[in-house]
Amino acid sequence: MRAIRRALTGTGITVALDKSRVFVRATGTVGDFERTFKMGLVAFASPPSLQIQPPVNGKAPTIPAALRGRITETVWSSVSQLAGSAGHVNGEDRAPSSRAALRGSVPAPTNHGSSNACGTVSANPNMMAMNEASQAYGDTRIRDQLGYGVKPKSSPPRIGIISMGSGFSQSAANAAAQCLGWSSGPARVVTTDAMTSALAEGVEGDLDIQMSSAILGRSNQISVYEEMNSQPASFLPFFAALNDKKRPDVLSVSYGSCEYGLQNRQNSGSTKLTNAVLLRLSLAGTSTAIAAGDTGSSTCKDSNNIVKPFVSFPASSPYVTAVGGSRIVLDQTNSRINEVVWNDSAFYGGSFNTPNINVSGGGGGTSRVFSRPWWQRTPRTGTSAKRTLPDVSAHGSGAPAWPIFITSSTDPNQIYAQTVWGTSSSTPLFASSIALVVARERAKGKPSLGMLNPWLYSIKKPYQSAFYDIRGGNNDLYQVGCCSARPGYDRASGIGSANFASLQNTIRRPG
C-alpha cells in the first residue's frame, strides 16, 4: 500500500484500501489517469449510470514502472449516477408484454393451486401466488416452527439482495403484501460507489423484494445492495455486503452474463475480484445463490448471439449455489403433483428457426472456465473436468407465472399486478427459503451455513425426503445437445428442487 502511494505521489491520484483489504480504490480526474497510465478514456451512458472507461479496442493502460510486479491488473470503473434514470428489466427477465401475441403448439398450463390472494391474483389462472409454492416447497412448516406466522421473533431471517440497475418500490411491495397475504416491513438500501440516491424502480427490483418478503413472512431483515449496472464494477455490491456490519445470512443474485467474455479474458480483473469476495463471504458465513439464466443451455444467445452450449457467470463460480428453473404442477391443496425442467418454448412459440422470438428455459450446462470443484466430485454428478450447473432448481416457468406489483410508468399513483418468470424468481425463492433454515439454526444456537454446496452434494440419500428428483424435460432451447433431465443429478435441474422442511434436518455440523 505504501509503495502504491509513493508511486502515485504527484499524479493527483489518491488511493484508499477497501475495508475488505482485498483491493485498493484509486481516485482522480480523467486527466490524472490519462497522464499516469498513458492512455485515453471515453465516456458513455449506460442508464442509470454515466461511465468513463478505456475504449474497448484502444491502447491498454500502462502500469507505472514503480508498480509493475505489484499491480497485475486494473479494473476501470468511473461512474456517476444519471438523474431520473429509471430502473430496467435485466436480461435475466422476460418482459411479460412480449408474450401477448405468442402462441405455441401446446396450450400453456394454468394454475390449479389454491390461493388466499385478492381477486386480481386468485381469479387469474395464469398466476400462481407465492404462498401456494411456499407450501409445496416446505417453507410454511419452517415459518410455523419459528412462529413467524403469528408474531415476530428475536432471530429473524437475514437476506441480502444484489441489485444492479433496478430498484424497487416500497409502496408496490406494500400493495403486494396486502393482496397476497404477508406482512411487509421496509427493506434497507445500501448504495455503492458514486451513487447519490437509491435506484429507480424496476421489474427486477420489485420481484426480488416481493418474492423474498413472501417467503420470509412477517419478521425479516432484507438489505438491498445497489450498484448502477456498471459491468466492470459488478463486484462492488458483493463487497458492500461483506463489509456490512449487518452482514446477511444469504445473498440472492438475479444477474449474470455468459462465460464467453471470461474465455477471452474480458473484465478478468473484475471476475477475479468477484470470486475473491464470494469466497470471503462464504468463509464469513454468508451463503450466495445466483440465477443460472433464462436461455437454457445457450446462455450466450441473448447477449452475443452465439448458439452453442454456454453457462452464466457468476452462477458458474465454484463459491456459489447456481439456481436453475423448473415448472411445478400443484393440486388444489397446493401439494406437488409433478415438477419438470423449465422450458416454455412449446407453450409460447419460438425455436432456433423462428427469429425474433425469445424462448426461455432454465440455465444449465458445463462451465468452460472453472474446474470441477471438490464438492462436485461425486459418482452421481458424472466425470466432467469442469464445473457443471445448476446445483438446484425451483419454479421459474411462465406457465403459470408469478404475480408482482409494480408502479405504472404513466401514472405514479397507480400500482398493478403483472406476471413475471425466470431464474430471477426461482433464485430469491431458494435464497429466502435457506434464510429461513438459517434462522431456525440460529434459534437453536447454531451458526449460519456459509457455502451451501458441500452440504447439498454430500446428502447421502437426497431423494428420500430432502429433494424432489426432477426427471422430465430439458433446457435445450436451440438444439445444441444439452441438457436433459434424468434420474439423479443432471445439468438441466441440478440435484433437483428442495423440500426445505426436510432439507433442514440433513444439516451435519463438524464434531
Protein backbone atom coordinates (compact mmCIF):
# COMPACT_ATOMS: atom_id res chain seq x y z
CA MET A 1 0.00 0.00 0.00
CA ARG A 2 2.85 2.40 0.84
CA ALA A 3 4.52 1.54 -2.47
CA ILE A 4 1.35 2.40 -4.38
CA ARG A 5 1.02 5.72 -2.58
CA ARG A 6 4.67 6.59 -3.26
CA ALA A 7 4.39 5.67 -6.94
CA LEU A 8 1.33 7.87 -7.40
CA THR A 9 2.65 10.87 -5.43
CA GLY A 10 2.39 13.98 -7.55
CA THR A 11 -0.02 12.45 -10.07
CA GLY A 12 -3.15 13.87 -8.46
CA ILE A 13 -4.43 10.34 -7.82
CA THR A 14 -5.27 9.32 -4.25
CA VAL A 15 -5.64 5.74 -3.04
CA ALA A 16 -7.50 4.03 -0.20
CA LEU A 17 -7.62 0.39 0.88
CA ASP A 18 -11.09 -1.14 0.87
CA LYS A 19 -12.40 -2.33 4.25
CA SER A 20 -12.14 -5.89 2.99
CA ARG A 21 -8.38 -5.37 2.39
CA VAL A 22 -8.75 -7.12 -0.97
CA PHE A 23 -8.42 -4.18 -3.37
CA VAL A 24 -7.39 -0.52 -3.50
CA ARG A 25 -9.54 2.35 -4.76
CA ALA A 26 -7.73 4.98 -6.83
CA THR A 27 -9.46 8.34 -7.26
CA GLY A 28 -8.57 11.25 -9.53
CA THR A 29 -9.62 13.24 -12.58
CA VAL A 30 -9.80 11.88 -16.11
CA GLY A 31 -6.68 13.86 -16.96
CA ASP A 32 -4.81 12.45 -13.95
CA PHE A 33 -5.44 8.88 -15.09
CA GLU A 34 -4.76 9.52 -18.78
CA ARG A 35 -1.36 11.07 -17.97
CA THR A 36 -0.36 8.50 -15.33
CA PHE A 37 -1.44 5.39 -17.24
CA LYS A 38 -0.64 6.78 -20.73
CA MET A 39 -3.97 6.03 -22.38
CA GLY A 40 -7.23 7.63 -23.44
CA LEU A 41 -10.59 7.34 -21.72
CA VAL A 42 -14.09 7.56 -23.20
CA ALA A 43 -17.44 8.38 -21.63
CA PHE A 44 -20.71 6.63 -22.43
CA ALA A 45 -24.17 6.46 -20.90
CA SER A 46 -25.38 3.13 -19.54
CA PRO A 47 -28.53 4.09 -17.60
CA PRO A 48 -28.74 4.58 -14.74
CA SER A 49 -25.04 5.49 -14.86
CA LEU A 50 -22.54 7.54 -16.86
CA GLN A 51 -19.32 5.54 -17.22
CA ILE A 52 -15.78 6.56 -18.13
CA GLN A 53 -13.52 3.70 -19.23
CA PRO A 54 -10.74 2.85 -21.67
CA PRO A 55 -12.09 2.23 -25.19
CA VAL A 56 -12.73 -1.44 -25.94
CA ASN A 57 -10.19 -1.60 -28.77
CA GLY A 58 -7.96 1.22 -27.56
CA LYS A 59 -4.47 1.24 -26.10
CA ALA A 60 -4.16 -0.78 -22.92
CA PRO A 61 -3.30 1.14 -19.74
CA THR A 62 0.43 1.28 -18.98
CA ILE A 63 1.21 0.42 -15.37
CA PRO A 64 3.77 2.90 -13.95
CA ALA A 65 7.24 1.33 -13.70
CA ALA A 66 7.32 1.60 -9.89
CA LEU A 67 4.16 -0.51 -9.66
CA ARG A 68 4.99 -3.27 -12.13
CA GLY A 69 5.06 -6.55 -10.29
CA ARG A 70 2.93 -5.09 -7.51
CA ILE A 71 -0.18 -4.47 -9.61
CA THR A 72 -1.02 -7.19 -12.11
CA GLU A 73 -4.44 -5.95 -13.26
CA THR A 74 -6.60 -2.87 -13.06
CA VAL A 75 -10.38 -2.56 -13.08
CA TRP A 76 -11.55 0.69 -14.65
CA SER A 77 -14.84 1.96 -13.37
CA SER A 78 -15.54 5.67 -13.23
CA VAL A 79 -19.27 6.08 -12.79
CA SER A 80 -21.74 8.79 -11.90
CA GLN A 81 -25.47 8.48 -11.46
CA LEU A 82 -27.73 9.92 -14.15
CA ALA A 83 -30.56 11.96 -12.69
CA GLY A 84 -34.01 10.45 -13.15
CA SER A 85 -32.82 7.22 -14.73
CA ALA A 86 -35.47 4.56 -14.41
CA GLY A 87 -34.70 1.04 -13.34
CA HIS A 88 -34.60 -1.50 -16.13
CA VAL A 89 -35.57 -5.09 -16.70
CA ASN A 90 -32.39 -7.14 -16.53
CA GLY A 91 -31.53 -9.71 -19.15
CA GLU A 92 -32.44 -12.49 -16.73
CA ASP A 93 -36.09 -11.44 -17.04
CA ARG A 94 -38.57 -11.61 -19.87
CA ALA A 95 -40.91 -8.65 -20.25
CA PRO A 96 -44.43 -10.06 -19.82
CA SER A 97 -45.88 -7.93 -22.62
CA SER A 98 -43.61 -9.69 -25.14
CA ARG A 99 -45.65 -12.87 -24.83
CA ALA A 100 -49.06 -11.37 -25.51
CA ALA A 101 -49.05 -12.36 -29.17
CA LEU A 102 -47.07 -15.57 -28.89
CA ARG A 103 -48.76 -18.93 -29.19
CA GLY A 104 -47.02 -22.26 -29.16
CA SER A 105 -48.07 -25.64 -30.37
CA VAL A 106 -49.27 -26.64 -26.88
CA PRO A 107 -51.64 -24.60 -24.67
CA ALA A 108 -49.80 -23.14 -21.69
CA PRO A 109 -50.67 -24.90 -18.42
CA THR A 110 -52.65 -22.88 -15.91
CA ASN A 111 -52.59 -22.86 -12.13
CA HIS A 112 -54.68 -25.37 -10.17
CA GLY A 113 -53.45 -24.46 -6.69
CA SER A 114 -55.41 -22.57 -4.05
CA SER A 115 -54.54 -19.04 -3.02
CA ASN A 116 -55.67 -16.67 -0.30
CA ALA A 117 -54.75 -13.74 -2.53
CA CYS A 118 -57.02 -10.91 -3.59
CA GLY A 119 -59.19 -11.33 -6.67
CA THR A 120 -56.64 -9.73 -9.01
CA VAL A 121 -54.39 -12.75 -8.50
CA SER A 122 -56.68 -15.58 -7.39
CA ALA A 123 -59.01 -15.08 -10.36
CA ASN A 124 -56.16 -15.21 -12.88
CA PRO A 125 -55.38 -18.82 -13.90
CA ASN A 126 -52.02 -17.70 -15.31
CA MET A 127 -50.79 -16.57 -11.88
CA MET A 128 -49.51 -18.70 -9.01
CA ALA A 129 -49.30 -16.85 -5.70
CA MET A 130 -46.15 -17.22 -3.62
CA ASN A 131 -47.99 -18.87 -0.71
CA GLU A 132 -49.02 -21.79 -2.94
CA ALA A 133 -45.45 -22.70 -3.88
CA SER A 134 -44.24 -21.88 -0.38
CA GLN A 135 -46.41 -24.70 0.92
CA ALA A 136 -45.21 -27.12 -1.77
CA TYR A 137 -41.54 -26.37 -1.07
CA GLY A 138 -41.94 -26.72 2.70
CA ASP A 139 -41.34 -23.10 3.72
CA THR A 140 -44.65 -22.84 5.54
CA ARG A 141 -43.61 -25.54 8.01
CA ILE A 142 -40.36 -23.72 8.86
CA ARG A 143 -42.21 -20.43 9.41
CA ASP A 144 -44.65 -22.23 11.70
CA GLN A 145 -41.73 -23.71 13.66
CA LEU A 146 -40.24 -20.25 14.08
CA GLY A 147 -43.57 -18.61 14.86
CA TYR A 148 -43.28 -16.03 12.08
CA GLY A 149 -46.85 -16.59 11.03
CA VAL A 150 -48.00 -15.36 14.44
CA LYS A 151 -45.59 -12.77 15.81
CA PRO A 152 -42.03 -11.57 15.26
CA LYS A 153 -39.28 -13.49 17.00
CA SER A 154 -35.84 -12.47 18.20
CA SER A 155 -33.99 -14.37 15.47
CA PRO A 156 -35.35 -13.12 12.12
CA PRO A 157 -34.00 -14.41 8.81
CA ARG A 158 -31.47 -12.02 7.24
CA ILE A 159 -31.24 -11.88 3.46
CA GLY A 160 -29.31 -9.60 1.15
CA ILE A 161 -30.29 -8.81 -2.44
CA ILE A 162 -27.73 -7.72 -5.03
CA SER A 163 -29.38 -5.13 -7.27
CA MET A 164 -27.64 -3.89 -10.42
CA GLY A 165 -29.53 -1.11 -12.13
CA SER A 166 -33.06 -1.94 -10.96
CA GLY A 167 -34.51 -0.61 -7.71
CA PHE A 168 -37.81 -1.30 -6.00
CA SER A 169 -40.89 0.50 -4.74
CA GLN A 170 -41.85 0.02 -1.10
CA SER A 171 -45.38 1.12 -1.99
CA ALA A 172 -45.60 -1.65 -4.60
CA ALA A 173 -44.28 -4.14 -2.03
CA ASN A 174 -46.94 -3.00 0.43
CA ALA A 175 -49.65 -3.45 -2.22
CA ALA A 176 -48.35 -6.96 -2.94
CA ALA A 177 -48.34 -7.79 0.76
CA GLN A 178 -51.93 -6.63 1.15
CA CYS A 179 -53.13 -8.68 -1.82
CA LEU A 180 -51.02 -11.79 -1.31
CA GLY A 181 -51.32 -12.04 2.44
CA TRP A 182 -48.00 -11.29 4.11
CA SER A 183 -46.70 -8.51 6.35
CA SER A 184 -44.13 -6.37 4.54
CA GLY A 185 -41.57 -4.42 6.54
CA PRO A 186 -39.31 -1.80 4.95
CA ALA A 187 -36.18 -3.06 3.20
CA ARG A 188 -32.83 -1.44 3.93
CA VAL A 189 -30.91 0.02 0.97
CA VAL A 190 -27.10 0.12 0.86
CA THR A 191 -25.67 2.08 -2.10
CA THR A 192 -22.21 1.62 -3.59
CA ASP A 193 -19.57 3.93 -5.10
CA ALA A 194 -20.67 7.19 -6.74
CA MET A 195 -24.38 6.67 -6.07
CA THR A 196 -26.24 9.75 -4.86
CA SER A 197 -29.61 8.08 -4.34
CA ALA A 198 -31.33 4.70 -4.41
CA LEU A 199 -32.06 3.17 -7.81
CA ALA A 200 -35.34 3.91 -9.55
CA GLU A 201 -38.00 1.20 -9.50
CA GLY A 202 -37.68 -1.67 -11.97
CA VAL A 203 -39.30 -5.06 -12.52
CA GLU A 204 -36.24 -6.95 -11.27
CA GLY A 205 -36.01 -4.93 -8.07
CA ASP A 206 -39.73 -5.32 -7.32
CA LEU A 207 -39.57 -9.07 -7.99
CA ASP A 208 -36.62 -9.66 -5.64
CA ILE A 209 -38.19 -7.75 -2.75
CA GLN A 210 -41.67 -9.19 -3.13
CA MET A 211 -40.58 -12.80 -3.53
CA SER A 212 -38.26 -12.58 -0.53
CA SER A 213 -40.88 -10.90 1.65
CA ALA A 214 -43.48 -13.51 0.72
CA ILE A 215 -41.25 -16.45 1.60
CA LEU A 216 -39.76 -14.99 4.77
CA GLY A 217 -43.04 -13.94 6.34
CA ARG A 218 -43.72 -11.30 8.97
CA SER A 219 -40.34 -10.88 10.63
CA ASN A 220 -37.34 -10.44 8.36
CA GLN A 221 -34.33 -8.26 7.66
CA ILE A 222 -33.86 -7.51 3.97
CA SER A 223 -30.84 -5.50 2.83
CA VAL A 224 -30.56 -4.40 -0.80
CA TYR A 225 -27.03 -3.70 -2.08
CA GLU A 226 -27.40 -1.44 -5.09
CA GLU A 227 -24.98 -0.77 -7.95
CA MET A 228 -25.53 1.15 -11.18
CA ASN A 229 -25.16 -1.67 -13.71
CA SER A 230 -21.50 -0.96 -14.46
CA GLN A 231 -20.12 -4.29 -15.69
CA PRO A 232 -16.50 -3.76 -14.58
CA ALA A 233 -17.71 -2.70 -11.12
CA SER A 234 -20.16 -5.57 -10.67
CA PHE A 235 -18.12 -6.83 -7.70
CA LEU A 236 -18.83 -3.69 -5.64
CA PRO A 237 -22.22 -4.70 -4.14
CA PHE A 238 -20.73 -8.04 -3.03
CA PHE A 239 -18.03 -6.17 -1.15
CA ALA A 240 -20.70 -3.89 0.32
CA ALA A 241 -22.39 -6.99 1.73
CA LEU A 242 -19.09 -8.39 3.04
CA ASN A 243 -18.21 -5.10 4.76
CA ASP A 244 -21.71 -4.60 6.16
CA LYS A 245 -21.97 -4.71 9.97
CA LYS A 246 -25.38 -6.31 9.38
CA ARG A 247 -23.97 -8.94 7.02
CA PRO A 248 -26.78 -11.14 5.65
CA ASP A 249 -27.05 -14.89 6.15
CA VAL A 250 -27.87 -15.39 2.46
CA LEU A 251 -27.37 -13.33 -0.70
CA SER A 252 -29.76 -13.55 -3.65
CA VAL A 253 -28.37 -12.54 -7.06
CA SER A 254 -30.54 -12.45 -10.20
CA TYR A 255 -27.88 -11.16 -12.59
CA GLY A 256 -25.26 -12.73 -14.79
CA SER A 257 -23.60 -12.79 -18.19
CA CYS A 258 -22.39 -15.58 -20.45
CA GLU A 259 -18.92 -17.01 -19.98
CA TYR A 260 -17.81 -16.09 -23.49
CA GLY A 261 -16.23 -12.88 -22.20
CA LEU A 262 -14.40 -14.78 -19.46
CA GLN A 263 -12.90 -17.12 -22.04
CA ASN A 264 -11.49 -14.07 -23.82
CA ARG A 265 -10.29 -12.50 -20.55
CA GLN A 266 -12.73 -9.62 -20.80
CA ASN A 267 -13.13 -7.99 -17.38
CA SER A 268 -10.73 -10.58 -15.95
CA GLY A 269 -9.80 -8.33 -13.05
CA SER A 270 -13.45 -7.88 -12.16
CA THR A 271 -14.01 -11.64 -12.38
CA LYS A 272 -11.10 -12.34 -10.01
CA LEU A 273 -12.38 -9.77 -7.53
CA THR A 274 -15.89 -11.24 -7.74
CA ASN A 275 -14.61 -14.73 -6.95
CA ALA A 276 -12.39 -13.35 -4.18
CA VAL A 277 -15.31 -11.70 -2.44
CA LEU A 278 -17.64 -14.68 -2.97
CA LEU A 279 -15.09 -16.92 -1.25
CA ARG A 280 -14.72 -14.47 1.63
CA LEU A 281 -18.48 -14.18 2.02
CA SER A 282 -18.78 -17.94 2.35
CA LEU A 283 -15.98 -18.03 4.93
CA ALA A 284 -17.77 -15.28 6.86
CA GLY A 285 -20.93 -17.42 6.95
CA THR A 286 -22.93 -15.89 4.09
CA SER A 287 -24.45 -18.28 1.53
CA THR A 288 -24.82 -16.97 -2.03
CA ALA A 289 -27.47 -18.13 -4.52
CA ILE A 290 -27.17 -16.91 -8.12
CA ALA A 291 -29.56 -17.24 -11.06
CA ALA A 292 -28.36 -19.68 -13.73
CA GLY A 293 -30.04 -17.72 -16.54
CA ASP A 294 -33.12 -17.91 -18.74
CA THR A 295 -31.84 -19.06 -22.13
CA GLY A 296 -31.43 -22.71 -21.29
CA SER A 297 -28.06 -24.25 -22.13
CA SER A 298 -27.26 -21.44 -24.59
CA THR A 299 -26.67 -18.50 -22.26
CA CYS A 300 -24.73 -16.53 -24.88
CA LYS A 301 -27.64 -16.47 -27.34
CA ASP A 302 -29.15 -13.25 -25.97
CA SER A 303 -26.01 -11.21 -25.35
CA ASN A 304 -23.61 -12.46 -28.04
CA ASN A 305 -25.92 -14.31 -30.47
CA ILE A 306 -23.79 -17.43 -30.03
CA VAL A 307 -25.82 -20.62 -30.38
CA LYS A 308 -23.53 -23.02 -28.54
CA PRO A 309 -23.59 -24.57 -25.08
CA PHE A 310 -22.60 -21.85 -22.60
CA VAL A 311 -23.36 -21.12 -18.96
CA SER A 312 -23.53 -17.88 -16.99
CA PHE A 313 -21.11 -16.22 -14.58
CA PRO A 314 -21.15 -15.66 -11.61
CA ALA A 315 -23.52 -18.65 -11.38
CA SER A 316 -20.60 -20.78 -12.59
CA SER A 317 -18.35 -19.61 -9.76
CA PRO A 318 -17.29 -22.51 -7.52
CA TYR A 319 -18.21 -20.44 -4.45
CA VAL A 320 -21.95 -20.10 -5.07
CA THR A 321 -25.10 -22.16 -5.48
CA ALA A 322 -26.45 -21.83 -9.03
CA VAL A 323 -30.26 -21.87 -9.16
CA GLY A 324 -31.97 -23.20 -12.27
CA GLY A 325 -35.60 -23.20 -13.29
CA SER A 326 -38.38 -25.76 -13.09
CA ARG A 327 -42.13 -25.88 -13.72
CA ILE A 328 -44.11 -27.15 -10.76
CA VAL A 329 -47.63 -28.57 -11.03
CA LEU A 330 -49.87 -28.25 -7.95
CA ASP A 331 -53.22 -29.68 -6.98
CA GLN A 332 -55.97 -27.78 -5.16
CA THR A 333 -54.32 -28.44 -1.80
CA ASN A 334 -51.05 -26.90 -3.07
CA SER A 335 -49.34 -30.28 -2.98
CA ARG A 336 -46.85 -31.10 -5.72
CA ILE A 337 -48.22 -33.33 -8.49
CA ASN A 338 -45.14 -33.09 -10.67
CA GLU A 339 -42.14 -30.91 -11.39
CA VAL A 340 -40.18 -30.77 -14.66
CA VAL A 341 -37.37 -28.71 -16.16
CA TRP A 342 -38.45 -25.21 -17.13
CA ASN A 343 -38.71 -24.94 -20.91
CA ASP A 344 -41.63 -22.81 -22.12
CA SER A 345 -40.85 -22.94 -25.85
CA ALA A 346 -43.72 -25.34 -26.57
CA PHE A 347 -46.21 -23.01 -24.88
CA TYR A 348 -45.10 -19.60 -26.12
CA GLY A 349 -43.69 -20.37 -29.54
CA GLY A 350 -40.23 -19.83 -30.91
CA SER A 351 -37.38 -22.10 -31.83
CA PHE A 352 -33.96 -21.91 -33.41
CA ASN A 353 -35.66 -21.43 -36.78
CA THR A 354 -38.07 -18.78 -35.54
CA PRO A 355 -36.22 -15.46 -35.35
CA ASN A 356 -37.12 -12.53 -33.09
CA ILE A 357 -38.98 -14.67 -30.58
CA ASN A 358 -37.48 -15.13 -27.14
CA VAL A 359 -37.89 -18.69 -25.97
CA SER A 360 -36.94 -19.26 -22.38
CA GLY A 361 -35.85 -22.03 -20.04
CA GLY A 362 -33.64 -22.68 -17.04
CA GLY A 363 -29.91 -22.17 -17.45
CA GLY A 364 -27.55 -25.11 -17.15
CA GLY A 365 -24.62 -26.92 -18.69
CA THR A 366 -20.85 -27.10 -18.26
CA SER A 367 -18.52 -24.22 -17.47
CA ARG A 368 -15.75 -23.51 -19.99
CA VAL A 369 -13.75 -21.62 -17.38
CA PHE A 370 -13.90 -23.18 -13.92
CA SER A 371 -12.61 -26.62 -12.99
CA ARG A 372 -14.79 -29.14 -11.24
CA PRO A 373 -14.92 -28.19 -7.54
CA TRP A 374 -14.02 -30.76 -4.91
CA TRP A 375 -17.58 -30.90 -3.59
CA GLN A 376 -18.92 -31.84 -7.04
CA ARG A 377 -16.65 -34.86 -7.40
CA THR A 378 -19.22 -37.46 -6.52
CA PRO A 379 -20.29 -40.53 -8.55
CA ARG A 380 -23.76 -39.16 -9.20
CA THR A 381 -22.52 -35.90 -10.83
CA GLY A 382 -20.61 -37.51 -13.69
CA THR A 383 -16.99 -37.21 -14.74
CA SER A 384 -16.75 -33.71 -16.22
CA ALA A 385 -13.44 -31.94 -15.59
CA LYS A 386 -15.31 -28.64 -15.35
CA ARG A 387 -17.90 -27.15 -13.03
CA THR A 388 -21.45 -28.09 -14.01
CA LEU A 389 -24.66 -26.27 -13.15
CA PRO A 390 -27.29 -25.65 -11.95
CA ASP A 391 -26.91 -27.00 -8.45
CA VAL A 392 -30.62 -26.80 -7.57
CA SER A 393 -33.86 -25.64 -9.18
CA ALA A 394 -37.18 -24.05 -8.28
CA HIS A 395 -40.23 -22.84 -10.19
CA GLY A 396 -39.25 -20.27 -12.82
CA SER A 397 -41.75 -21.04 -15.57
CA GLY A 398 -44.26 -18.62 -17.01
CA ALA A 399 -46.87 -21.37 -17.11
CA PRO A 400 -48.13 -20.37 -14.61
CA ALA A 401 -46.15 -17.25 -13.74
CA TRP A 402 -45.58 -15.31 -10.54
CA PRO A 403 -47.55 -12.15 -9.75
CA ILE A 404 -45.71 -8.99 -8.76
CA PHE A 405 -46.98 -5.48 -8.22
CA ILE A 406 -45.35 -2.55 -9.99
CA THR A 407 -45.96 1.17 -10.37
CA SER A 408 -47.45 2.36 -13.64
CA SER A 409 -44.95 4.18 -15.86
CA THR A 410 -47.65 6.67 -16.87
CA ASP A 411 -49.38 7.19 -13.52
CA PRO A 412 -47.18 7.04 -10.40
CA ASN A 413 -50.30 6.74 -8.24
CA GLN A 414 -51.37 3.50 -9.92
CA ILE A 415 -49.97 0.12 -8.85
CA TYR A 416 -50.99 -3.00 -10.71
CA ALA A 417 -50.19 -6.73 -10.84
CA GLN A 418 -48.39 -8.37 -13.74
CA THR A 419 -46.79 -11.76 -14.38
CA VAL A 420 -43.06 -12.47 -14.24
CA TRP A 421 -40.95 -15.60 -14.56
CA GLY A 422 -37.36 -16.76 -14.83
CA THR A 423 -34.49 -17.79 -12.60
CA SER A 424 -34.77 -14.22 -11.31
CA SER A 425 -37.78 -15.59 -9.41
CA SER A 426 -36.53 -19.08 -8.52
CA THR A 427 -33.35 -17.61 -7.01
CA PRO A 428 -34.90 -15.34 -4.35
CA LEU A 429 -37.36 -18.18 -3.64
CA PHE A 430 -34.46 -20.54 -2.92
CA ALA A 431 -32.33 -17.94 -1.11
CA SER A 432 -35.18 -16.84 1.16
CA SER A 433 -36.00 -20.44 2.00
CA ILE A 434 -32.37 -21.03 3.02
CA ALA A 435 -32.58 -17.86 5.14
CA LEU A 436 -35.49 -19.47 7.00
CA VAL A 437 -33.39 -22.58 7.58
CA VAL A 438 -30.53 -20.43 8.93
CA ALA A 439 -32.92 -18.55 11.23
CA ARG A 440 -34.09 -21.85 12.68
CA GLU A 441 -30.48 -22.93 13.20
CA ARG A 442 -29.74 -19.63 14.95
CA ALA A 443 -32.74 -20.12 17.21
CA LYS A 444 -31.06 -23.36 18.32
CA GLY A 445 -27.79 -21.54 19.00
CA LYS A 446 -26.12 -22.69 15.76
CA PRO A 447 -24.10 -20.53 13.32
CA SER A 448 -25.03 -19.69 9.74
CA LEU A 449 -24.22 -22.07 6.88
CA GLY A 450 -21.79 -20.29 4.56
CA MET A 451 -21.06 -22.16 1.33
CA LEU A 452 -24.03 -24.46 0.71
CA ASN A 453 -22.81 -26.84 -1.98
CA PRO A 454 -20.51 -29.03 0.15
CA TRP A 455 -23.55 -29.77 2.33
CA LEU A 456 -26.07 -30.18 -0.52
CA TYR A 457 -23.89 -32.54 -2.57
CA SER A 458 -22.96 -34.63 0.48
CA ILE A 459 -26.52 -35.64 1.39
CA LYS A 460 -26.37 -39.42 1.07
CA LYS A 461 -29.97 -40.13 0.11
CA PRO A 462 -31.27 -36.77 -1.13
CA TYR A 463 -34.45 -38.06 -2.74
CA GLN A 464 -35.89 -39.82 0.28
CA SER A 465 -37.24 -36.51 1.57
CA ALA A 466 -34.83 -33.55 1.16
CA PHE A 467 -35.09 -33.14 -2.63
CA TYR A 468 -37.63 -33.78 -5.34
CA ASP A 469 -35.89 -35.51 -8.24
CA ILE A 470 -36.79 -33.68 -11.44
CA ARG A 471 -36.75 -36.36 -14.14
CA GLY A 472 -38.69 -34.79 -17.02
CA GLY A 473 -37.96 -32.13 -19.61
CA ASN A 474 -34.88 -30.39 -20.97
CA ASN A 475 -33.40 -26.90 -21.30
CA ASP A 476 -32.09 -27.37 -24.85
CA LEU A 477 -33.82 -24.35 -26.42
CA TYR A 478 -31.64 -24.19 -29.53
CA GLN A 479 -30.89 -27.86 -30.26
CA VAL A 480 -27.28 -27.78 -29.09
CA GLY A 481 -27.44 -31.24 -27.48
CA CYS A 482 -27.65 -30.16 -23.83
CA CYS A 483 -29.28 -30.76 -21.44
CA SER A 484 -32.00 -33.25 -20.45
CA ALA A 485 -33.30 -34.36 -17.07
CA ARG A 486 -32.62 -37.88 -15.89
CA PRO A 487 -32.83 -39.71 -12.56
CA GLY A 488 -30.49 -38.07 -10.05
CA TYR A 489 -28.23 -35.11 -10.76
CA ASP A 490 -28.31 -33.56 -14.24
CA ARG A 491 -27.31 -30.33 -15.95
CA ALA A 492 -30.91 -29.31 -16.58
CA SER A 493 -32.13 -29.28 -12.97
CA GLY A 494 -29.11 -29.96 -10.74
CA ILE A 495 -29.79 -32.08 -7.68
CA GLY A 496 -33.46 -31.15 -8.01
CA SER A 497 -35.85 -28.92 -6.07
CA ALA A 498 -35.74 -28.81 -2.29
CA ASN A 499 -38.27 -29.71 0.36
CA PHE A 500 -36.87 -27.18 2.83
CA ALA A 501 -38.77 -28.52 5.83
CA SER A 502 -36.96 -31.85 5.36
CA LEU A 503 -33.73 -30.39 3.99
CA GLN A 504 -33.08 -28.55 7.24
CA ASN A 505 -32.90 -31.89 9.06
CA THR A 506 -29.94 -33.05 6.94
CA ILE A 507 -27.51 -30.40 8.25
CA ARG A 508 -24.50 -32.06 9.77
CA ARG A 509 -22.08 -29.89 11.71
CA PRO A 510 -18.40 -30.82 12.26
CA GLY A 511 -17.87 -32.65 15.55
